Amino acid sequence: MQNSSILSPETATQQTLATQNPYLDWLGVKLAVWREDYAEMHLPIVKNVTNRTARVHGGVLCTLLDSVAGYSGCYRPEDEAALHSVTLSLTTQFLDSGEGKWLIASGRPEKVGRTVFFARSEVWMDGERLLASASGTFKYVRHKA
């Protein structure tokens, strides 16, 4: 995996950042790295994220691709107001499948505008096998508390 994570998935499980996203929390996604122009999420592969063939469900891969790409364009230091985005479009390529222990998703913005940004993301199995990639368009939105 290119640009591998700062933390191993096992370490990230203990030292994760808050996703502030109930769906990702419910799924078990860990926000392992979040800095300017980069986000990385980890998800342990358990039975609940697999399909009938015991491989990771495509919807789980799409969730990771979408989420990590969105987070990659929304980083702000803690002393600045949080940024949020919604997905306008997401084009996904499923490249491989298989068995493993961890999904590692990474995302980077490609072009950031005033109201919209474009990002790319990948999901790797155990940091060794590229399972899926995506490119997306995201719009910044105000968060209503």
N, C-alpha and C. Protein backbone atom coordinates (compact mmCIF):
# COMPACT_ATOMS: atom_id res chain seq x y z
N MET A 1 0.85 -1.18 0.00
CA MET A 1 0.00 0.00 0.00
C MET A 1 0.89 1.23 0.00
N GLN A 2 0.68 2.12 -0.92
CA GLN A 2 1.46 3.35 -0.97
C GLN A 2 0.99 4.28 0.13
N ASN A 3 1.92 5.09 0.66
CA ASN A 3 1.59 6.05 1.71
C ASN A 3 0.90 5.35 2.87
N SER A 4 1.54 4.32 3.39
CA SER A 4 0.91 3.53 4.45
C SER A 4 0.64 4.39 5.68
N SER A 5 -0.21 3.85 6.52
CA SER A 5 -0.70 4.60 7.67
C SER A 5 0.40 4.87 8.68
N ILE A 6 0.17 5.89 9.48
CA ILE A 6 1.06 6.21 10.58
C ILE A 6 0.90 5.17 11.67
N LEU A 7 -0.32 4.72 11.90
CA LEU A 7 -0.63 3.74 12.92
C LEU A 7 -1.01 2.42 12.27
N SER A 8 -0.63 1.32 12.91
CA SER A 8 -1.13 0.03 12.43
C SER A 8 -2.61 -0.05 12.77
N PRO A 9 -3.37 -0.89 12.07
CA PRO A 9 -4.79 -1.01 12.41
C PRO A 9 -5.02 -1.38 13.87
N GLU A 10 -4.18 -2.24 14.42
CA GLU A 10 -4.34 -2.63 15.81
C GLU A 10 -4.12 -1.45 16.74
N THR A 11 -3.09 -0.65 16.48
CA THR A 11 -2.82 0.54 17.30
C THR A 11 -3.90 1.57 17.10
N ALA A 12 -4.36 1.73 15.88
CA ALA A 12 -5.39 2.73 15.59
C ALA A 12 -6.67 2.43 16.34
N THR A 13 -6.96 1.15 16.57
CA THR A 13 -8.16 0.79 17.31
C THR A 13 -8.11 1.38 18.71
N GLN A 14 -6.93 1.50 19.26
CA GLN A 14 -6.77 2.04 20.61
C GLN A 14 -6.61 3.56 20.61
N GLN A 15 -6.19 4.15 19.52
CA GLN A 15 -5.88 5.57 19.47
C GLN A 15 -6.64 6.27 18.34
N THR A 16 -7.93 6.06 18.28
CA THR A 16 -8.69 6.62 17.18
C THR A 16 -9.19 8.02 17.48
N LEU A 17 -9.46 8.74 16.43
CA LEU A 17 -10.06 10.06 16.51
C LEU A 17 -11.57 9.89 16.46
N ALA A 18 -12.29 10.84 16.96
CA ALA A 18 -13.75 10.76 16.94
C ALA A 18 -14.26 11.01 15.53
N THR A 19 -15.07 10.10 15.01
CA THR A 19 -15.64 10.30 13.68
C THR A 19 -16.80 11.28 13.72
N GLN A 20 -17.47 11.38 14.87
CA GLN A 20 -18.68 12.20 15.02
C GLN A 20 -19.71 11.80 13.96
N ASN A 21 -19.73 10.52 13.62
CA ASN A 21 -20.65 9.99 12.62
C ASN A 21 -21.26 8.70 13.17
N PRO A 22 -22.51 8.75 13.61
CA PRO A 22 -23.12 7.56 14.22
C PRO A 22 -23.10 6.32 13.33
N TYR A 23 -23.28 6.47 12.03
CA TYR A 23 -23.27 5.31 11.15
C TYR A 23 -21.89 4.65 11.12
N LEU A 24 -20.84 5.45 10.97
CA LEU A 24 -19.49 4.88 10.94
C LEU A 24 -19.15 4.23 12.28
N ASP A 25 -19.57 4.86 13.37
CA ASP A 25 -19.33 4.28 14.70
C ASP A 25 -20.04 2.93 14.82
N TRP A 26 -21.29 2.86 14.37
CA TRP A 26 -22.07 1.63 14.43
C TRP A 26 -21.41 0.52 13.60
N LEU A 27 -20.88 0.90 12.44
CA LEU A 27 -20.24 -0.07 11.56
C LEU A 27 -18.91 -0.57 12.13
N GLY A 28 -18.28 0.23 12.99
CA GLY A 28 -17.00 -0.14 13.58
C GLY A 28 -15.81 0.53 12.93
N VAL A 29 -16.05 1.54 12.12
CA VAL A 29 -14.98 2.26 11.42
C VAL A 29 -14.19 3.11 12.42
N LYS A 30 -12.87 3.07 12.29
CA LYS A 30 -11.98 3.88 13.12
C LYS A 30 -11.30 4.93 12.25
N LEU A 31 -11.40 6.18 12.66
CA LEU A 31 -10.69 7.26 11.97
C LEU A 31 -9.28 7.28 12.52
N ALA A 32 -8.35 6.69 11.77
CA ALA A 32 -6.99 6.48 12.25
C ALA A 32 -6.09 7.69 12.05
N VAL A 33 -6.21 8.35 10.91
CA VAL A 33 -5.38 9.51 10.59
C VAL A 33 -6.28 10.55 9.94
N TRP A 34 -6.16 11.78 10.42
CA TRP A 34 -6.91 12.89 9.80
C TRP A 34 -6.06 14.13 9.92
N ARG A 35 -5.58 14.56 8.79
CA ARG A 35 -4.75 15.77 8.74
C ARG A 35 -5.08 16.48 7.43
N GLU A 36 -4.48 17.63 7.24
CA GLU A 36 -4.76 18.38 6.02
C GLU A 36 -4.44 17.53 4.80
N ASP A 37 -5.39 17.46 3.89
CA ASP A 37 -5.25 16.75 2.62
C ASP A 37 -5.08 15.23 2.74
N TYR A 38 -5.51 14.65 3.86
CA TYR A 38 -5.41 13.19 4.00
C TYR A 38 -6.31 12.69 5.12
N ALA A 39 -6.98 11.60 4.86
CA ALA A 39 -7.74 10.89 5.89
C ALA A 39 -7.53 9.40 5.69
N GLU A 40 -7.54 8.68 6.80
CA GLU A 40 -7.41 7.23 6.74
C GLU A 40 -8.33 6.60 7.77
N MET A 41 -9.05 5.58 7.33
CA MET A 41 -9.98 4.86 8.20
C MET A 41 -9.67 3.38 8.15
N HIS A 42 -9.90 2.71 9.29
CA HIS A 42 -9.68 1.27 9.40
C HIS A 42 -10.97 0.60 9.82
N LEU A 43 -11.18 -0.60 9.32
CA LEU A 43 -12.35 -1.39 9.72
C LEU A 43 -11.93 -2.85 9.81
N PRO A 44 -12.13 -3.46 10.99
CA PRO A 44 -11.83 -4.89 11.09
C PRO A 44 -12.85 -5.68 10.26
N ILE A 45 -12.37 -6.71 9.61
CA ILE A 45 -13.27 -7.55 8.81
C ILE A 45 -13.88 -8.60 9.74
N VAL A 46 -15.15 -8.43 9.99
CA VAL A 46 -15.92 -9.37 10.81
C VAL A 46 -17.10 -9.87 9.98
N LYS A 47 -17.77 -10.88 10.46
CA LYS A 47 -18.86 -11.50 9.70
C LYS A 47 -19.91 -10.49 9.26
N ASN A 48 -20.21 -9.51 10.09
CA ASN A 48 -21.28 -8.55 9.79
C ASN A 48 -20.99 -7.64 8.60
N VAL A 49 -19.76 -7.60 8.10
CA VAL A 49 -19.45 -6.74 6.95
C VAL A 49 -19.25 -7.56 5.68
N THR A 50 -19.59 -8.86 5.74
CA THR A 50 -19.40 -9.72 4.58
C THR A 50 -20.73 -10.03 3.91
N ASN A 51 -20.62 -10.55 2.69
CA ASN A 51 -21.82 -10.94 1.92
C ASN A 51 -22.00 -12.46 1.98
N ARG A 52 -22.86 -12.99 1.14
CA ARG A 52 -23.15 -14.43 1.15
C ARG A 52 -21.95 -15.29 0.76
N THR A 53 -20.97 -14.71 0.08
CA THR A 53 -19.78 -15.47 -0.31
C THR A 53 -18.64 -15.29 0.69
N ALA A 54 -18.93 -14.68 1.84
CA ALA A 54 -17.96 -14.45 2.92
C ALA A 54 -16.87 -13.45 2.52
N ARG A 55 -17.15 -12.63 1.53
CA ARG A 55 -16.24 -11.55 1.14
C ARG A 55 -16.84 -10.22 1.61
N VAL A 56 -16.01 -9.21 1.72
CA VAL A 56 -16.49 -7.91 2.18
C VAL A 56 -17.57 -7.41 1.22
N HIS A 57 -18.68 -6.98 1.77
CA HIS A 57 -19.82 -6.49 0.99
C HIS A 57 -19.43 -5.21 0.25
N GLY A 58 -19.87 -5.10 -1.00
CA GLY A 58 -19.56 -3.91 -1.80
C GLY A 58 -20.09 -2.63 -1.18
N GLY A 59 -21.20 -2.70 -0.48
CA GLY A 59 -21.74 -1.51 0.19
C GLY A 59 -20.83 -1.00 1.29
N VAL A 60 -20.15 -1.92 1.97
CA VAL A 60 -19.18 -1.53 3.00
C VAL A 60 -18.00 -0.83 2.35
N LEU A 61 -17.53 -1.37 1.23
CA LEU A 61 -16.43 -0.72 0.51
C LEU A 61 -16.83 0.68 0.05
N CYS A 62 -18.04 0.82 -0.49
CA CYS A 62 -18.53 2.14 -0.92
C CYS A 62 -18.62 3.11 0.25
N THR A 63 -19.09 2.63 1.38
CA THR A 63 -19.17 3.49 2.57
C THR A 63 -17.80 4.01 2.94
N LEU A 64 -16.81 3.12 2.96
CA LEU A 64 -15.45 3.55 3.31
C LEU A 64 -14.89 4.53 2.27
N LEU A 65 -15.07 4.22 0.99
CA LEU A 65 -14.56 5.10 -0.06
C LEU A 65 -15.19 6.49 0.03
N ASP A 66 -16.48 6.53 0.20
CA ASP A 66 -17.22 7.79 0.29
C ASP A 66 -16.81 8.58 1.53
N SER A 67 -16.78 7.91 2.66
CA SER A 67 -16.50 8.59 3.93
C SER A 67 -15.08 9.13 3.99
N VAL A 68 -14.10 8.31 3.62
CA VAL A 68 -12.71 8.75 3.74
C VAL A 68 -12.41 9.86 2.74
N ALA A 69 -13.03 9.83 1.56
CA ALA A 69 -12.85 10.91 0.59
C ALA A 69 -13.45 12.20 1.13
N GLY A 70 -14.64 12.10 1.71
CA GLY A 70 -15.29 13.29 2.29
C GLY A 70 -14.49 13.88 3.43
N TYR A 71 -14.01 13.04 4.33
CA TYR A 71 -13.21 13.53 5.45
C TYR A 71 -11.92 14.19 4.96
N SER A 72 -11.34 13.67 3.88
CA SER A 72 -10.05 14.20 3.41
C SER A 72 -10.12 15.67 3.04
N GLY A 73 -11.27 16.14 2.61
CA GLY A 73 -11.41 17.54 2.24
C GLY A 73 -11.97 18.43 3.33
N CYS A 74 -12.20 17.86 4.50
CA CYS A 74 -12.87 18.62 5.57
C CYS A 74 -12.03 18.81 6.83
N TYR A 75 -10.75 18.49 6.78
CA TYR A 75 -9.93 18.63 7.99
C TYR A 75 -9.76 20.10 8.37
N ARG A 76 -9.86 20.39 9.64
CA ARG A 76 -9.54 21.69 10.21
C ARG A 76 -8.92 21.47 11.58
N PRO A 77 -7.94 22.29 11.97
CA PRO A 77 -7.40 22.18 13.33
C PRO A 77 -8.51 22.37 14.36
N GLU A 78 -8.28 21.84 15.56
CA GLU A 78 -9.30 21.88 16.60
C GLU A 78 -9.77 23.28 16.96
N ASP A 79 -8.91 24.28 16.78
CA ASP A 79 -9.29 25.65 17.16
C ASP A 79 -10.08 26.37 16.06
N GLU A 80 -10.35 25.69 14.94
CA GLU A 80 -11.14 26.27 13.86
C GLU A 80 -12.50 25.58 13.77
N ALA A 81 -13.46 26.28 13.18
CA ALA A 81 -14.81 25.72 13.02
C ALA A 81 -14.75 24.47 12.13
N ALA A 82 -15.50 23.46 12.52
CA ALA A 82 -15.53 22.20 11.77
C ALA A 82 -16.14 22.40 10.39
N LEU A 83 -15.64 21.64 9.43
CA LEU A 83 -16.20 21.61 8.08
C LEU A 83 -16.95 20.30 7.89
N HIS A 84 -18.03 20.35 7.12
CA HIS A 84 -18.79 19.16 6.79
C HIS A 84 -19.07 19.18 5.29
N SER A 85 -19.34 18.01 4.74
CA SER A 85 -19.65 17.94 3.31
C SER A 85 -20.70 16.87 3.05
N VAL A 86 -21.32 16.98 1.89
CA VAL A 86 -22.22 15.94 1.39
C VAL A 86 -21.69 15.50 0.03
N THR A 87 -21.98 14.27 -0.30
CA THR A 87 -21.52 13.70 -1.56
C THR A 87 -22.45 14.09 -2.69
N LEU A 88 -21.89 14.67 -3.74
CA LEU A 88 -22.67 14.97 -4.94
C LEU A 88 -22.60 13.83 -5.94
N SER A 89 -21.43 13.22 -6.05
CA SER A 89 -21.28 12.05 -6.93
C SER A 89 -20.11 11.21 -6.45
N LEU A 90 -20.19 9.91 -6.71
CA LEU A 90 -19.12 8.99 -6.35
C LEU A 90 -19.05 7.90 -7.42
N THR A 91 -17.90 7.80 -8.07
CA THR A 91 -17.68 6.77 -9.08
C THR A 91 -16.73 5.74 -8.48
N THR A 92 -17.18 4.50 -8.44
CA THR A 92 -16.45 3.44 -7.74
C THR A 92 -16.01 2.35 -8.71
N GLN A 93 -14.80 1.84 -8.49
CA GLN A 93 -14.29 0.70 -9.23
C GLN A 93 -13.98 -0.41 -8.23
N PHE A 94 -14.61 -1.57 -8.40
CA PHE A 94 -14.30 -2.74 -7.58
C PHE A 94 -13.22 -3.52 -8.31
N LEU A 95 -12.08 -3.73 -7.66
CA LEU A 95 -10.92 -4.27 -8.33
C LEU A 95 -10.55 -5.69 -7.92
N ASP A 96 -10.86 -6.07 -6.68
CA ASP A 96 -10.45 -7.37 -6.18
C ASP A 96 -11.31 -7.73 -4.98
N SER A 97 -11.19 -8.96 -4.53
CA SER A 97 -11.85 -9.40 -3.30
C SER A 97 -10.93 -10.40 -2.63
N GLY A 98 -11.35 -10.93 -1.53
CA GLY A 98 -10.52 -11.90 -0.85
C GLY A 98 -10.81 -11.90 0.63
N GLU A 99 -9.96 -12.58 1.36
CA GLU A 99 -10.12 -12.69 2.80
C GLU A 99 -8.96 -11.99 3.48
N GLY A 100 -9.24 -11.40 4.63
CA GLY A 100 -8.22 -10.72 5.40
C GLY A 100 -8.74 -10.31 6.75
N LYS A 101 -7.96 -9.46 7.43
CA LYS A 101 -8.32 -9.03 8.79
C LYS A 101 -8.77 -7.58 8.86
N TRP A 102 -8.20 -6.72 8.01
CA TRP A 102 -8.46 -5.28 8.10
C TRP A 102 -8.72 -4.67 6.74
N LEU A 103 -9.61 -3.70 6.71
CA LEU A 103 -9.76 -2.82 5.56
C LEU A 103 -9.12 -1.49 5.93
N ILE A 104 -8.28 -0.98 5.06
CA ILE A 104 -7.62 0.30 5.29
C ILE A 104 -7.99 1.21 4.13
N ALA A 105 -8.70 2.28 4.44
CA ALA A 105 -9.17 3.22 3.42
C ALA A 105 -8.42 4.53 3.56
N SER A 106 -8.01 5.09 2.43
CA SER A 106 -7.33 6.39 2.46
C SER A 106 -7.95 7.30 1.41
N GLY A 107 -7.95 8.60 1.72
CA GLY A 107 -8.51 9.57 0.80
C GLY A 107 -7.70 10.84 0.75
N ARG A 108 -7.70 11.46 -0.42
CA ARG A 108 -6.99 12.72 -0.64
C ARG A 108 -7.81 13.62 -1.55
N PRO A 109 -7.92 14.90 -1.20
CA PRO A 109 -8.59 15.82 -2.13
C PRO A 109 -7.68 16.08 -3.32
N GLU A 110 -8.28 16.21 -4.49
CA GLU A 110 -7.52 16.53 -5.70
C GLU A 110 -7.61 17.99 -6.06
N LYS A 111 -8.77 18.57 -5.87
CA LYS A 111 -9.01 19.98 -6.19
C LYS A 111 -10.03 20.50 -5.20
N VAL A 112 -9.70 21.61 -4.55
CA VAL A 112 -10.59 22.18 -3.54
C VAL A 112 -11.00 23.58 -3.97
N GLY A 113 -12.29 23.78 -4.08
CA GLY A 113 -12.84 25.09 -4.40
C GLY A 113 -13.49 25.71 -3.19
N ARG A 114 -14.19 26.80 -3.40
CA ARG A 114 -14.84 27.51 -2.30
C ARG A 114 -16.03 26.72 -1.75
N THR A 115 -16.79 26.07 -2.61
CA THR A 115 -17.99 25.36 -2.16
C THR A 115 -17.98 23.86 -2.49
N VAL A 116 -17.08 23.44 -3.38
CA VAL A 116 -17.04 22.05 -3.83
C VAL A 116 -15.59 21.57 -3.84
N PHE A 117 -15.39 20.28 -3.55
CA PHE A 117 -14.06 19.71 -3.73
C PHE A 117 -14.18 18.32 -4.37
N PHE A 118 -13.09 17.91 -4.99
CA PHE A 118 -12.99 16.63 -5.66
C PHE A 118 -11.95 15.80 -4.92
N ALA A 119 -12.23 14.52 -4.70
CA ALA A 119 -11.30 13.68 -3.94
C ALA A 119 -11.25 12.28 -4.53
N ARG A 120 -10.14 11.59 -4.24
CA ARG A 120 -9.96 10.19 -4.63
C ARG A 120 -9.75 9.37 -3.36
N SER A 121 -10.17 8.12 -3.43
CA SER A 121 -9.99 7.24 -2.27
C SER A 121 -9.73 5.81 -2.74
N GLU A 122 -9.15 5.03 -1.82
CA GLU A 122 -8.84 3.63 -2.07
C GLU A 122 -9.14 2.83 -0.82
N VAL A 123 -9.46 1.55 -1.00
CA VAL A 123 -9.58 0.62 0.12
C VAL A 123 -8.66 -0.56 -0.15
N TRP A 124 -7.80 -0.83 0.82
CA TRP A 124 -6.84 -1.92 0.75
C TRP A 124 -7.19 -2.97 1.80
N MET A 125 -6.95 -4.23 1.48
CA MET A 125 -7.11 -5.30 2.46
C MET A 125 -5.75 -5.57 3.08
N ASP A 126 -5.68 -5.42 4.38
CA ASP A 126 -4.44 -5.65 5.14
C ASP A 126 -3.26 -4.87 4.59
N GLY A 127 -3.52 -3.77 3.89
CA GLY A 127 -2.45 -2.94 3.35
C GLY A 127 -1.72 -3.56 2.18
N GLU A 128 -2.21 -4.70 1.66
CA GLU A 128 -1.49 -5.43 0.63
C GLU A 128 -2.24 -5.55 -0.69
N ARG A 129 -3.56 -5.61 -0.64
CA ARG A 129 -4.35 -5.85 -1.84
C ARG A 129 -5.35 -4.72 -2.03
N LEU A 130 -5.27 -4.05 -3.18
CA LEU A 130 -6.21 -2.97 -3.49
C LEU A 130 -7.54 -3.58 -3.90
N LEU A 131 -8.59 -3.30 -3.10
CA LEU A 131 -9.91 -3.87 -3.36
C LEU A 131 -10.78 -2.96 -4.21
N ALA A 132 -10.70 -1.64 -3.96
CA ALA A 132 -11.60 -0.71 -4.66
C ALA A 132 -11.01 0.69 -4.64
N SER A 133 -11.42 1.49 -5.62
CA SER A 133 -11.02 2.89 -5.65
C SER A 133 -12.22 3.72 -6.08
N ALA A 134 -12.15 5.00 -5.81
CA ALA A 134 -13.27 5.88 -6.16
C ALA A 134 -12.78 7.30 -6.37
N SER A 135 -13.58 8.05 -7.12
CA SER A 135 -13.39 9.49 -7.22
C SER A 135 -14.76 10.11 -6.96
N GLY A 136 -14.75 11.22 -6.24
CA GLY A 136 -16.02 11.82 -5.87
C GLY A 136 -16.00 13.33 -5.89
N THR A 137 -17.19 13.88 -5.91
CA THR A 137 -17.41 15.32 -5.84
C THR A 137 -18.21 15.57 -4.58
N PHE A 138 -17.77 16.54 -3.78
CA PHE A 138 -18.36 16.82 -2.48
C PHE A 138 -18.65 18.30 -2.34
N LYS A 139 -19.74 18.62 -1.68
CA LYS A 139 -20.12 20.01 -1.45
C LYS A 139 -20.03 20.31 0.04
N TYR A 140 -19.39 21.43 0.36
CA TYR A 140 -19.34 21.86 1.76
C TYR A 140 -20.73 22.30 2.20
N VAL A 141 -21.11 21.94 3.42
CA VAL A 141 -22.41 22.31 3.97
C VAL A 141 -22.23 22.80 5.40
N ARG A 142 -23.19 23.59 5.85
CA ARG A 142 -23.21 24.00 7.25
C ARG A 142 -23.85 22.89 8.05
N HIS A 143 -23.27 22.60 9.19
CA HIS A 143 -23.82 21.57 10.06
C HIS A 143 -24.87 22.18 10.96
N LYS A 144 -26.04 21.60 10.94
CA LYS A 144 -27.12 22.08 11.81
C LYS A 144 -27.13 21.23 13.07
N ALA A 145 -26.80 21.85 14.18
CA ALA A 145 -26.71 21.12 15.45
C ALA A 145 -28.07 20.73 15.98
